[in-house]
Amino acid sequence: MTVTIYHNPVCGTSRNVLLMIRNSGEEPTIIQYLKTPPSREELKGLISRMNVPVREVLREKETPYKELGLDDLTLTDNQLIDAMVEHPILINRPIVVTPLGVKLCRPAAVALSIPPGP
């Protein structure tokens, strides 16, 4: 099974999920999204495949969330996505992509619901 993780090596949750994937016998493709951010279309696609509200993928802590006024509930999904593309630190992580779907693995235990490979 092909597995991709949008990963931040500084994040403990992201490191734990990466370890869980490896312990399942998979060696995922690792995208350090702060160095190689997803394009606007890629991010929209990930959010769509997760079937979650855009705000669920928006990271508030230790980011420019407040400074950018992203707590304004009148902002559209497109405006929030634009902010995440411009400031990738705003993208919550880790996001794991498998042929079976896409999940934001927060908390890390969410990764346990990803079926093991053959």
PDB file of N, CA and C in Angstrom:
ATOM      1  N   MET A   1       0.862  -1.183   0.000  1.00  0.00           N
ATOM      2  CA  MET A   1       0.000   0.000   0.000  1.00  0.00           C
ATOM      3  C   MET A   1       0.899   1.234   0.000  1.00  0.00           C
ATOM      4  N   THR A   2       0.568   2.193  -0.819  1.00  0.00           N
ATOM      5  CA  THR A   2       1.306   3.446  -0.861  1.00  0.00           C
ATOM      6  C   THR A   2       0.766   4.378   0.216  1.00  0.00           C
ATOM      7  N   VAL A   3       1.666   4.884   1.054  1.00  0.00           N
ATOM      8  CA  VAL A   3       1.286   5.794   2.131  1.00  0.00           C
ATOM      9  C   VAL A   3       2.147   7.046   2.018  1.00  0.00           C
ATOM     10  N   THR A   4       1.503   8.199   2.143  1.00  0.00           N
ATOM     11  CA  THR A   4       2.203   9.482   2.152  1.00  0.00           C
ATOM     12  C   THR A   4       1.836  10.199   3.438  1.00  0.00           C
ATOM     13  N   ILE A   5       2.828  10.822   4.057  1.00  0.00           N
ATOM     14  CA  ILE A   5       2.572  11.608   5.263  1.00  0.00           C
ATOM     15  C   ILE A   5       3.080  13.025   5.047  1.00  0.00           C
ATOM     16  N   TYR A   6       2.204  13.996   5.293  1.00  0.00           N
ATOM     17  CA  TYR A   6       2.603  15.406   5.327  1.00  0.00           C
ATOM     18  C   TYR A   6       3.087  15.623   6.749  1.00  0.00           C
ATOM     19  N   HIS A   7       4.385  15.810   6.891  1.00  0.00           N
ATOM     20  CA  HIS A   7       5.078  15.634   8.160  1.00  0.00           C
ATOM     21  C   HIS A   7       5.848  16.886   8.562  1.00  0.00           C
ATOM     22  N   ASN A   8       5.874  17.117   9.872  1.00  0.00           N
ATOM     23  CA  ASN A   8       6.740  18.133  10.455  1.00  0.00           C
ATOM     24  C   ASN A   8       7.584  17.414  11.504  1.00  0.00           C
ATOM     25  N   PRO A   9       8.892  17.234  11.255  1.00  0.00           N
ATOM     26  CA  PRO A   9       9.720  16.463  12.171  1.00  0.00           C
ATOM     27  C   PRO A   9       9.857  17.084  13.564  1.00  0.00           C
ATOM     28  N   VAL A  10       9.484  18.340  13.723  1.00  0.00           N
ATOM     29  CA  VAL A  10       9.553  18.998  15.028  1.00  0.00           C
ATOM     30  C   VAL A  10       8.337  18.634  15.892  1.00  0.00           C
ATOM     31  N   CYS A  11       7.274  18.187  15.259  1.00  0.00           N
ATOM     32  CA  CYS A  11       6.009  17.895  15.944  1.00  0.00           C
ATOM     33  C   CYS A  11       6.012  16.470  16.498  1.00  0.00           C
ATOM     34  N   GLY A  12       5.784  16.343  17.802  1.00  0.00           N
ATOM     35  CA  GLY A  12       5.751  15.036  18.442  1.00  0.00           C
ATOM     36  C   GLY A  12       4.657  14.139  17.883  1.00  0.00           C
ATOM     37  N   THR A  13       3.472  14.686  17.639  1.00  0.00           N
ATOM     38  CA  THR A  13       2.382  13.886  17.083  1.00  0.00           C
ATOM     39  C   THR A  13       2.760  13.365  15.707  1.00  0.00           C
ATOM     40  N   SER A  14       3.356  14.225  14.901  1.00  0.00           N
ATOM     41  CA  SER A  14       3.762  13.822  13.557  1.00  0.00           C
ATOM     42  C   SER A  14       4.823  12.719  13.620  1.00  0.00           C
ATOM     43  N   ARG A  15       5.781  12.864  14.515  1.00  0.00           N
ATOM     44  CA  ARG A  15       6.818  11.822  14.673  1.00  0.00           C
ATOM     45  C   ARG A  15       6.199  10.505  15.133  1.00  0.00           C
ATOM     46  N   ASN A  16       5.244  10.573  16.059  1.00  0.00           N
ATOM     47  CA  ASN A  16       4.584   9.357  16.546  1.00  0.00           C
ATOM     48  C   ASN A  16       3.817   8.652  15.437  1.00  0.00           C
ATOM     49  N   VAL A  17       3.110   9.424  14.620  1.00  0.00           N
ATOM     50  CA  VAL A  17       2.351   8.827  13.518  1.00  0.00           C
ATOM     51  C   VAL A  17       3.305   8.195  12.507  1.00  0.00           C
ATOM     52  N   LEU A  18       4.396   8.867  12.198  1.00  0.00           N
ATOM     53  CA  LEU A  18       5.386   8.296  11.281  1.00  0.00           C
ATOM     54  C   LEU A  18       5.900   6.963  11.831  1.00  0.00           C
ATOM     55  N   LEU A  19       6.186   6.909  13.115  1.00  0.00           N
ATOM     56  CA  LEU A  19       6.661   5.674  13.738  1.00  0.00           C
ATOM     57  C   LEU A  19       5.593   4.580  13.667  1.00  0.00           C
ATOM     58  N   MET A  20       4.342   4.947  13.906  1.00  0.00           N
ATOM     59  CA  MET A  20       3.250   3.973  13.838  1.00  0.00           C
ATOM     60  C   MET A  20       3.124   3.390  12.433  1.00  0.00           C
ATOM     61  N   ILE A  21       3.252   4.247  11.424  1.00  0.00           N
ATOM     62  CA  ILE A  21       3.174   3.768  10.038  1.00  0.00           C
ATOM     63  C   ILE A  21       4.322   2.797   9.768  1.00  0.00           C
ATOM     64  N   ARG A  22       5.514   3.185  10.161  1.00  0.00           N
ATOM     65  CA  ARG A  22       6.677   2.313   9.948  1.00  0.00           C
ATOM     66  C   ARG A  22       6.531   1.001  10.712  1.00  0.00           C
ATOM     67  N   ASN A  23       6.003   1.058  11.924  1.00  0.00           N
ATOM     68  CA  ASN A  23       5.806  -0.163  12.715  1.00  0.00           C
ATOM     69  C   ASN A  23       4.768  -1.089  12.090  1.00  0.00           C
ATOM     70  N   SER A  24       3.915  -0.537  11.215  1.00  0.00           N
ATOM     71  CA  SER A  24       2.923  -1.368  10.524  1.00  0.00           C
ATOM     72  C   SER A  24       3.538  -2.085   9.319  1.00  0.00           C
ATOM     73  N   GLY A  25       4.814  -1.789   9.055  1.00  0.00           N
ATOM     74  CA  GLY A  25       5.491  -2.434   7.930  1.00  0.00           C
ATOM     75  C   GLY A  25       5.555  -1.583   6.678  1.00  0.00           C
ATOM     76  N   GLU A  26       5.022  -0.387   6.730  1.00  0.00           N
ATOM     77  CA  GLU A  26       5.039   0.518   5.578  1.00  0.00           C
ATOM     78  C   GLU A  26       6.191   1.508   5.706  1.00  0.00           C
ATOM     79  N   GLU A  27       6.766   1.874   4.587  1.00  0.00           N
ATOM     80  CA  GLU A  27       7.731   2.979   4.551  1.00  0.00           C
ATOM     81  C   GLU A  27       7.081   4.076   3.716  1.00  0.00           C
ATOM     82  N   PRO A  28       6.533   5.084   4.375  1.00  0.00           N
ATOM     83  CA  PRO A  28       5.765   6.100   3.654  1.00  0.00           C
ATOM     84  C   PRO A  28       6.649   7.071   2.874  1.00  0.00           C
ATOM     85  N   THR A  29       6.028   7.696   1.898  1.00  0.00           N
ATOM     86  CA  THR A  29       6.621   8.866   1.268  1.00  0.00           C
ATOM     87  C   THR A  29       6.430  10.004   2.260  1.00  0.00           C
ATOM     88  N   ILE A  30       7.510  10.692   2.586  1.00  0.00           N
ATOM     89  CA  ILE A  30       7.451  11.762   3.586  1.00  0.00           C
ATOM     90  C   ILE A  30       7.551  13.105   2.881  1.00  0.00           C
ATOM     91  N   ILE A  31       6.539  13.932   3.077  1.00  0.00           N
ATOM     92  CA  ILE A  31       6.553  15.293   2.548  1.00  0.00           C
ATOM     93  C   ILE A  31       6.671  16.229   3.743  1.00  0.00           C
ATOM     94  N   GLN A  32       7.828  16.865   3.868  1.00  0.00           N
ATOM     95  CA  GLN A  32       7.986  17.866   4.923  1.00  0.00           C
ATOM     96  C   GLN A  32       7.316  19.141   4.403  1.00  0.00           C
ATOM     97  N   TYR A  33       6.052  19.285   4.761  1.00  0.00           N
ATOM     98  CA  TYR A  33       5.210  20.303   4.139  1.00  0.00           C
ATOM     99  C   TYR A  33       5.663  21.737   4.414  1.00  0.00           C
ATOM    100  N   LEU A  34       6.498  21.961   5.415  1.00  0.00           N
ATOM    101  CA  LEU A  34       7.015  23.314   5.628  1.00  0.00           C
ATOM    102  C   LEU A  34       8.093  23.645   4.599  1.00  0.00           C
ATOM    103  N   LYS A  35       8.816  22.622   4.133  1.00  0.00           N
ATOM    104  CA  LYS A  35       9.840  22.817   3.101  1.00  0.00           C
ATOM    105  C   LYS A  35       9.247  22.699   1.705  1.00  0.00           C
ATOM    106  N   THR A  36       8.266  21.821   1.547  1.00  0.00           N
ATOM    107  CA  THR A  36       7.619  21.584   0.258  1.00  0.00           C
ATOM    108  C   THR A  36       6.108  21.662   0.471  1.00  0.00           C
ATOM    109  N   PRO A  37       5.568  22.875   0.568  1.00  0.00           N
ATOM    110  CA  PRO A  37       4.138  23.007   0.860  1.00  0.00           C
ATOM    111  C   PRO A  37       3.272  22.517  -0.301  1.00  0.00           C
ATOM    112  N   PRO A  38       2.084  22.024   0.024  1.00  0.00           N
ATOM    113  CA  PRO A  38       1.168  21.645  -1.047  1.00  0.00           C
ATOM    114  C   PRO A  38       0.690  22.892  -1.787  1.00  0.00           C
ATOM    115  N   SER A  39       0.387  22.710  -3.057  1.00  0.00           N
ATOM    116  CA  SER A  39      -0.203  23.810  -3.824  1.00  0.00           C
ATOM    117  C   SER A  39      -1.621  24.045  -3.315  1.00  0.00           C
ATOM    118  N   ARG A  40      -2.208  25.125  -3.758  1.00  0.00           N
ATOM    119  CA  ARG A  40      -3.583  25.432  -3.364  1.00  0.00           C
ATOM    120  C   ARG A  40      -4.509  24.280  -3.753  1.00  0.00           C
ATOM    121  N   GLU A  41      -4.345  23.787  -4.991  1.00  0.00           N
ATOM    122  CA  GLU A  41      -5.200  22.703  -5.476  1.00  0.00           C
ATOM    123  C   GLU A  41      -4.952  21.410  -4.701  1.00  0.00           C
ATOM    124  N   GLU A  42      -3.687  21.125  -4.387  1.00  0.00           N
ATOM    125  CA  GLU A  42      -3.381  19.924  -3.594  1.00  0.00           C
ATOM    126  C   GLU A  42      -4.032  20.014  -2.217  1.00  0.00           C
ATOM    127  N   LEU A  43      -3.913  21.169  -1.580  1.00  0.00           N
ATOM    128  CA  LEU A  43      -4.494  21.346  -0.253  1.00  0.00           C
ATOM    129  C   LEU A  43      -6.015  21.218  -0.305  1.00  0.00           C
ATOM    130  N   LYS A  44      -6.636  21.844  -1.298  1.00  0.00           N
ATOM    131  CA  LYS A  44      -8.090  21.720  -1.452  1.00  0.00           C
ATOM    132  C   LYS A  44      -8.487  20.261  -1.640  1.00  0.00           C
ATOM    133  N   GLY A  45      -7.697  19.532  -2.439  1.00  0.00           N
ATOM    134  CA  GLY A  45      -7.984  18.121  -2.680  1.00  0.00           C
ATOM    135  C   GLY A  45      -7.865  17.287  -1.412  1.00  0.00           C
ATOM    136  N   LEU A  46      -6.825  17.549  -0.618  1.00  0.00           N
ATOM    137  CA  LEU A  46      -6.652  16.821   0.643  1.00  0.00           C
ATOM    138  C   LEU A  46      -7.832  17.074   1.580  1.00  0.00           C
ATOM    139  N   ILE A  47      -8.212  18.333   1.709  1.00  0.00           N
ATOM    140  CA  ILE A  47      -9.322  18.692   2.603  1.00  0.00           C
ATOM    141  C   ILE A  47     -10.617  18.050   2.121  1.00  0.00           C
ATOM    142  N   SER A  48     -10.829  18.073   0.814  1.00  0.00           N
ATOM    143  CA  SER A  48     -12.027  17.463   0.241  1.00  0.00           C
ATOM    144  C   SER A  48     -12.058  15.961   0.515  1.00  0.00           C
ATOM    145  N   ARG A  49     -10.919  15.298   0.324  1.00  0.00           N
ATOM    146  CA  ARG A  49     -10.854  13.850   0.544  1.00  0.00           C
ATOM    147  C   ARG A  49     -11.003  13.492   2.025  1.00  0.00           C
ATOM    148  N   MET A  50     -10.588  14.393   2.915  1.00  0.00           N
ATOM    149  CA  MET A  50     -10.776  14.151   4.350  1.00  0.00           C
ATOM    150  C   MET A  50     -12.230  14.343   4.754  1.00  0.00           C
ATOM    151  N   ASN A  51     -12.957  15.111   3.947  1.00  0.00           N
ATOM    152  CA  ASN A  51     -14.362  15.401   4.223  1.00  0.00           C
ATOM    153  C   ASN A  51     -14.536  16.042   5.606  1.00  0.00           C
ATOM    154  N   VAL A  52     -13.695  17.058   5.860  1.00  0.00           N
ATOM    155  CA  VAL A  52     -13.768  17.800   7.119  1.00  0.00           C
ATOM    156  C   VAL A  52     -13.883  19.289   6.794  1.00  0.00           C
ATOM    157  N   PRO A  53     -14.381  20.084   7.731  1.00  0.00           N
ATOM    158  CA  PRO A  53     -14.400  21.531   7.514  1.00  0.00           C
ATOM    159  C   PRO A  53     -12.969  22.067   7.394  1.00  0.00           C
ATOM    160  N   VAL A  54     -12.793  23.095   6.596  1.00  0.00           N
ATOM    161  CA  VAL A  54     -11.470  23.698   6.395  1.00  0.00           C
ATOM    162  C   VAL A  54     -10.868  24.105   7.734  1.00  0.00           C
ATOM    163  N   ARG A  55     -11.678  24.654   8.612  1.00  0.00           N
ATOM    164  CA  ARG A  55     -11.155  25.107   9.915  1.00  0.00           C
ATOM    165  C   ARG A  55     -10.551  23.962  10.734  1.00  0.00           C
ATOM    166  N   GLU A  56     -10.976  22.730  10.487  1.00  0.00           N
ATOM    167  CA  GLU A  56     -10.410  21.597  11.223  1.00  0.00           C
ATOM    168  C   GLU A  56      -8.944  21.355  10.842  1.00  0.00           C
ATOM    169  N   VAL A  57      -8.563  21.780   9.660  1.00  0.00           N
ATOM    170  CA  VAL A  57      -7.195  21.596   9.174  1.00  0.00           C
ATOM    171  C   VAL A  57      -6.335  22.819   9.498  1.00  0.00           C
ATOM    172  N   LEU A  58      -6.954  23.872   9.985  1.00  0.00           N
ATOM    173  CA  LEU A  58      -6.268  25.127  10.282  1.00  0.00           C
ATOM    174  C   LEU A  58      -5.666  25.083  11.684  1.00  0.00           C
ATOM    175  N   ARG A  59      -4.366  25.195  11.759  1.00  0.00           N
ATOM    176  CA  ARG A  59      -3.650  25.154  13.042  1.00  0.00           C
ATOM    177  C   ARG A  59      -3.669  26.548  13.668  1.00  0.00           C
ATOM    178  N   GLU A  60      -4.034  26.617  14.938  1.00  0.00           N
ATOM    179  CA  GLU A  60      -4.116  27.897  15.639  1.00  0.00           C
ATOM    180  C   GLU A  60      -2.896  28.165  16.511  1.00  0.00           C
ATOM    181  N   LYS A  61      -2.405  27.140  17.209  1.00  0.00           N
ATOM    182  CA  LYS A  61      -1.311  27.332  18.169  1.00  0.00           C
ATOM    183  C   LYS A  61       0.018  27.527  17.452  1.00  0.00           C
ATOM    184  N   GLU A  62       0.838  28.402  18.029  1.00  0.00           N
ATOM    185  CA  GLU A  62       2.209  28.621  17.555  1.00  0.00           C
ATOM    186  C   GLU A  62       2.268  28.960  16.064  1.00  0.00           C
ATOM    187  N   THR A  63       1.287  29.723  15.613  1.00  0.00           N
ATOM    188  CA  THR A  63       1.210  30.150  14.212  1.00  0.00           C
ATOM    189  C   THR A  63       0.777  31.614  14.173  1.00  0.00           C
ATOM    190  N   PRO A  64       0.788  32.219  12.979  1.00  0.00           N
ATOM    191  CA  PRO A  64       0.290  33.600  12.858  1.00  0.00           C
ATOM    192  C   PRO A  64      -1.238  33.681  12.773  1.00  0.00           C
ATOM    193  N   TYR A  65      -1.940  32.673  13.277  1.00  0.00           N
ATOM    194  CA  TYR A  65      -3.398  32.603  13.217  1.00  0.00           C
ATOM    195  C   TYR A  65      -4.061  33.897  13.688  1.00  0.00           C
ATOM    196  N   LYS A  66      -3.762  34.313  14.900  1.00  0.00           N
ATOM    197  CA  LYS A  66      -4.387  35.524  15.466  1.00  0.00           C
ATOM    198  C   LYS A  66      -3.951  36.774  14.717  1.00  0.00           C
ATOM    199  N   GLU A  67      -2.635  36.865  14.449  1.00  0.00           N
ATOM    200  CA  GLU A  67      -2.092  38.050  13.785  1.00  0.00           C
ATOM    201  C   GLU A  67      -2.727  38.274  12.412  1.00  0.00           C
ATOM    202  N   LEU A  68      -3.085  37.174  11.748  1.00  0.00           N
ATOM    203  CA  LEU A  68      -3.700  37.275  10.421  1.00  0.00           C
ATOM    204  C   LEU A  68      -5.213  37.443  10.490  1.00  0.00           C
ATOM    205  N   GLY A  69      -5.764  37.455  11.703  1.00  0.00           N
ATOM    206  CA  GLY A  69      -7.209  37.637  11.857  1.00  0.00           C
ATOM    207  C   GLY A  69      -8.020  36.424  11.424  1.00  0.00           C
ATOM    208  N   LEU A  70      -7.413  35.236  11.479  1.00  0.00           N
ATOM    209  CA  LEU A  70      -8.095  34.039  11.000  1.00  0.00           C
ATOM    210  C   LEU A  70      -9.156  33.527  11.964  1.00  0.00           C
ATOM    211  N   ASP A  71      -9.261  34.167  13.128  1.00  0.00           N
ATOM    212  CA  ASP A  71     -10.330  33.825  14.062  1.00  0.00           C
ATOM    213  C   ASP A  71     -11.651  34.485  13.663  1.00  0.00           C
ATOM    214  N   ASP A  72     -11.627  35.266  12.588  1.00  0.00           N
ATOM    215  CA  ASP A  72     -12.828  35.914  12.054  1.00  0.00           C
ATOM    216  C   ASP A  72     -13.694  34.844  11.378  1.00  0.00           C
ATOM    217  N   LEU A  73     -14.822  34.533  11.981  1.00  0.00           N
ATOM    218  CA  LEU A  73     -15.675  33.459  11.475  1.00  0.00           C
ATOM    219  C   LEU A  73     -16.376  33.799  10.169  1.00  0.00           C
ATOM    220  N   THR A  74     -16.254  35.048   9.706  1.00  0.00           N
ATOM    221  CA  THR A  74     -16.860  35.407   8.420  1.00  0.00           C
ATOM    222  C   THR A  74     -15.933  35.091   7.242  1.00  0.00           C
ATOM    223  N   LEU A  75     -14.697  34.694   7.521  1.00  0.00           N
ATOM    224  CA  LEU A  75     -13.777  34.349   6.432  1.00  0.00           C
ATOM    225  C   LEU A  75     -14.280  33.107   5.707  1.00  0.00           C
ATOM    226  N   THR A  76     -14.122  33.109   4.393  1.00  0.00           N
ATOM    227  CA  THR A  76     -14.569  31.973   3.591  1.00  0.00           C
ATOM    228  C   THR A  76     -13.528  30.854   3.624  1.00  0.00           C
ATOM    229  N   ASP A  77     -13.944  29.677   3.214  1.00  0.00           N
ATOM    230  CA  ASP A  77     -13.008  28.559   3.114  1.00  0.00           C
ATOM    231  C   ASP A  77     -11.855  28.905   2.181  1.00  0.00           C
ATOM    232  N   ASN A  78     -12.163  29.570   1.071  1.00  0.00           N
ATOM    233  CA  ASN A  78     -11.104  29.943   0.124  1.00  0.00           C
ATOM    234  C   ASN A  78     -10.097  30.895   0.755  1.00  0.00           C
ATOM    235  N   GLN A  79     -10.564  31.823   1.570  1.00  0.00           N
ATOM    236  CA  GLN A  79      -9.647  32.740   2.248  1.00  0.00           C
ATOM    237  C   GLN A  79      -8.761  31.990   3.246  1.00  0.00           C
ATOM    238  N   LEU A  80      -9.330  31.027   3.946  1.00  0.00           N
ATOM    239  CA  LEU A  80      -8.551  30.232   4.898  1.00  0.00           C
ATOM    240  C   LEU A  80      -7.515  29.376   4.168  1.00  0.00           C
ATOM    241  N   ILE A  81      -7.913  28.783   3.053  1.00  0.00           N
ATOM    242  CA  ILE A  81      -6.977  27.979   2.260  1.00  0.00           C
ATOM    243  C   ILE A  81      -5.860  28.858   1.723  1.00  0.00           C
ATOM    244  N   ASP A  82      -6.201  30.051   1.246  1.00  0.00           N
ATOM    245  CA  ASP A  82      -5.164  30.976   0.765  1.00  0.00           C
ATOM    246  C   ASP A  82      -4.148  31.269   1.868  1.00  0.00           C
ATOM    247  N   ALA A  83      -4.630  31.474   3.088  1.00  0.00           N
ATOM    248  CA  ALA A  83      -3.725  31.752   4.215  1.00  0.00           C
ATOM    249  C   ALA A  83      -2.825  30.552   4.495  1.00  0.00           C
ATOM    250  N   MET A  84      -3.380  29.340   4.419  1.00  0.00           N
ATOM    251  CA  MET A  84      -2.581  28.136   4.667  1.00  0.00           C
ATOM    252  C   MET A  84      -1.531  27.927   3.580  1.00  0.00           C
ATOM    253  N   VAL A  85      -1.870  28.261   2.356  1.00  0.00           N
ATOM    254  CA  VAL A  85      -0.900  28.124   1.259  1.00  0.00           C
ATOM    255  C   VAL A  85       0.226  29.138   1.441  1.00  0.00           C
ATOM    256  N   GLU A  86      -0.128  30.349   1.836  1.00  0.00           N
ATOM    257  CA  GLU A  86       0.881  31.394   2.036  1.00  0.00           C
ATOM    258  C   GLU A  86       1.723  31.149   3.291  1.00  0.00           C
ATOM    259  N   HIS A  87       1.115  30.554   4.307  1.00  0.00           N
ATOM    260  CA  HIS A  87       1.789  30.290   5.589  1.00  0.00           C
ATOM    261  C   HIS A  87       1.578  28.812   5.938  1.00  0.00           C
ATOM    262  N   PRO A  88       2.372  27.903   5.381  1.00  0.00           N
ATOM    263  CA  PRO A  88       2.138  26.464   5.588  1.00  0.00           C
ATOM    264  C   PRO A  88       2.146  26.025   7.053  1.00  0.00           C
ATOM    265  N   ILE A  89       2.742  26.813   7.945  1.00  0.00           N
ATOM    266  CA  ILE A  89       2.724  26.467   9.366  1.00  0.00           C
ATOM    267  C   ILE A  89       1.284  26.417   9.890  1.00  0.00           C
ATOM    268  N   LEU A  90       0.354  27.025   9.159  1.00  0.00           N
ATOM    269  CA  LEU A  90      -1.058  27.017   9.540  1.00  0.00           C
ATOM    270  C   LEU A  90      -1.744  25.685   9.233  1.00  0.00           C
ATOM    271  N   ILE A  91      -1.090  24.809   8.479  1.00  0.00           N
ATOM    272  CA  ILE A  91      -1.692  23.521   8.124  1.00  0.00           C
ATOM    273  C   ILE A  91      -1.481  22.556   9.291  1.00  0.00           C
ATOM    274  N   ASN A  92      -2.578  22.051   9.810  1.00  0.00           N
ATOM    275  CA  ASN A  92      -2.481  21.087  10.900  1.00  0.00           C
ATOM    276  C   ASN A  92      -1.889  19.793  10.377  1.00  0.00           C
ATOM    277  N   ARG A  93      -1.192  19.074  11.233  1.00  0.00           N
ATOM    278  CA  ARG A  93      -0.487  17.880  10.796  1.00  0.00           C
ATOM    279  C   ARG A  93      -0.515  16.839  11.899  1.00  0.00           C
ATOM    280  N   PRO A  94      -0.176  15.627  11.524  1.00  0.00           N
ATOM    281  CA  PRO A  94       0.192  15.110  10.210  1.00  0.00           C
ATOM    282  C   PRO A  94      -1.049  14.707   9.411  1.00  0.00           C
ATOM    283  N   ILE A  95      -0.954  14.860   8.110  1.00  0.00           N
ATOM    284  CA  ILE A  95      -1.987  14.376   7.202  1.00  0.00           C
ATOM    285  C   ILE A  95      -1.420  13.127   6.542  1.00  0.00           C
ATOM    286  N   VAL A  96      -2.187  12.043   6.604  1.00  0.00           N
ATOM    287  CA  VAL A  96      -1.753  10.770   6.030  1.00  0.00           C
ATOM    288  C   VAL A  96      -2.676  10.418   4.869  1.00  0.00           C
ATOM    289  N   VAL A  97      -2.056  10.070   3.740  1.00  0.00           N
ATOM    290  CA  VAL A  97      -2.782   9.725   2.517  1.00  0.00           C
ATOM    291  C   VAL A  97      -2.509   8.259   2.202  1.00  0.00           C
ATOM    292  N   THR A  98      -3.580   7.481   2.018  1.00  0.00           N
ATOM    293  CA  THR A  98      -3.465   6.087   1.592  1.00  0.00           C
ATOM    294  C   THR A  98      -4.466   5.869   0.457  1.00  0.00           C
ATOM    295  N   PRO A  99      -4.388   4.736  -0.231  1.00  0.00           N
ATOM    296  CA  PRO A  99      -5.390   4.452  -1.262  1.00  0.00           C
ATOM    297  C   PRO A  99      -6.809   4.378  -0.691  1.00  0.00           C
ATOM    298  N   LEU A 100      -6.916   4.188   0.617  1.00  0.00           N
ATOM    299  CA  LEU A 100      -8.227   4.066   1.251  1.00  0.00           C
ATOM    300  C   LEU A 100      -8.793   5.391   1.733  1.00  0.00           C
ATOM    301  N   GLY A 101      -7.995   6.459   1.657  1.00  0.00           N
ATOM    302  CA  GLY A 101      -8.484   7.756   2.085  1.00  0.00           C
ATOM    303  C   GLY A 101      -7.401   8.625   2.682  1.00  0.00           C
ATOM    304  N   VAL A 102      -7.832   9.773   3.187  1.00  0.00           N
ATOM    305  CA  VAL A 102      -6.931  10.776   3.755  1.00  0.00           C
ATOM    306  C   VAL A 102      -7.425  11.094   5.158  1.00  0.00           C
ATOM    307  N   LYS A 103      -6.483  11.171   6.099  1.00  0.00           N
ATOM    308  CA  LYS A 103      -6.857  11.483   7.484  1.00  0.00           C
ATOM    309  C   LYS A 103      -5.896  12.498   8.075  1.00  0.00           C
ATOM    310  N   LEU A 104      -6.461  13.414   8.853  1.00  0.00           N
ATOM    311  CA  LEU A 104      -5.671  14.265   9.734  1.00  0.00           C
ATOM    312  C   LEU A 104      -5.500  13.454  11.011  1.00  0.00           C
ATOM    313  N   CYS A 105      -4.291  13.038  11.296  1.00  0.00           N
ATOM    314  CA  CYS A 105      -4.033  12.111  12.412  1.00  0.00           C
ATOM    315  C   CYS A 105      -3.725  12.858  13.696  1.00  0.00           C
ATOM    316  N   ARG A 106      -4.705  13.590  14.173  1.00  0.00           N
ATOM    317  CA  ARG A 106      -4.644  14.263  15.466  1.00  0.00           C
ATOM    318  C   ARG A 106      -5.888  13.854  16.221  1.00  0.00           C
ATOM    319  N   PRO A 107      -5.752  13.160  17.301  1.00  0.00           N
ATOM    320  CA  PRO A 107      -4.520  12.695  17.925  1.00  0.00           C
ATOM    321  C   PRO A 107      -3.882  11.565  17.124  1.00  0.00           C
ATOM    322  N   ALA A 108      -2.679  11.197  17.527  1.00  0.00           N
ATOM    323  CA  ALA A 108      -1.908  10.185  16.798  1.00  0.00           C
ATOM    324  C   ALA A 108      -2.659   8.865  16.686  1.00  0.00           C
ATOM    325  N   ALA A 109      -3.503   8.544  17.648  1.00  0.00           N
ATOM    326  CA  ALA A 109      -4.236   7.274  17.637  1.00  0.00           C
ATOM    327  C   ALA A 109      -5.120   7.123  16.406  1.00  0.00           C
ATOM    328  N   VAL A 110      -5.456   8.222  15.746  1.00  0.00           N
ATOM    329  CA  VAL A 110      -6.242   8.146  14.513  1.00  0.00           C
ATOM    330  C   VAL A 110      -5.514   7.274  13.493  1.00  0.00           C
ATOM    331  N   ALA A 111      -4.194   7.282  13.529  1.00  0.00           N
ATOM    332  CA  ALA A 111      -3.409   6.473  12.583  1.00  0.00           C
ATOM    333  C   ALA A 111      -3.697   4.990  12.751  1.00  0.00           C
ATOM    334  N   LEU A 112      -4.146   4.573  13.918  1.00  0.00           N
ATOM    335  CA  LEU A 112      -4.460   3.162  14.139  1.00  0.00           C
ATOM    336  C   LEU A 112      -5.636   2.701  13.293  1.00  0.00           C
ATOM    337  N   SER A 113      -6.451   3.638  12.820  1.00  0.00           N
ATOM    338  CA  SER A 113      -7.602   3.271  11.993  1.00  0.00           C
ATOM    339  C   SER A 113      -7.221   3.110  10.525  1.00  0.00           C
ATOM    340  N   ILE A 114      -5.945   3.348  10.205  1.00  0.00           N
ATOM    341  CA  ILE A 114      -5.477   3.132   8.841  1.00  0.00           C
ATOM    342  C   ILE A 114      -5.163   1.647   8.713  1.00  0.00           C
ATOM    343  N   PRO A 115      -5.834   0.950   7.802  1.00  0.00           N
ATOM    344  CA  PRO A 115      -5.617  -0.497   7.695  1.00  0.00           C
ATOM    345  C   PRO A 115      -4.169  -0.837   7.358  1.00  0.00           C
ATOM    346  N   PRO A 116      -3.673  -1.952   7.890  1.00  0.00           N
ATOM    347  CA  PRO A 116      -2.307  -2.362   7.570  1.00  0.00           C
ATOM    348  C   PRO A 116      -2.186  -2.791   6.120  1.00  0.00           C
ATOM    349  N   GLY A 117      -0.968  -2.775   5.628  1.00  0.00           N
ATOM    350  CA  GLY A 117      -0.708  -3.213   4.259  1.00  0.00           C
ATOM    351  C   GLY A 117      -0.851  -4.716   4.135  1.00  0.00           C
ATOM    352  N   PRO A 118      -0.783  -5.224   2.901  1.00  0.00           N
ATOM    353  CA  PRO A 118      -0.937  -6.664   2.674  1.00  0.00           C
ATOM    354  C   PRO A 118       0.191  -7.460   3.297  1.00  0.00           C
TER     355      PRO A 118
END
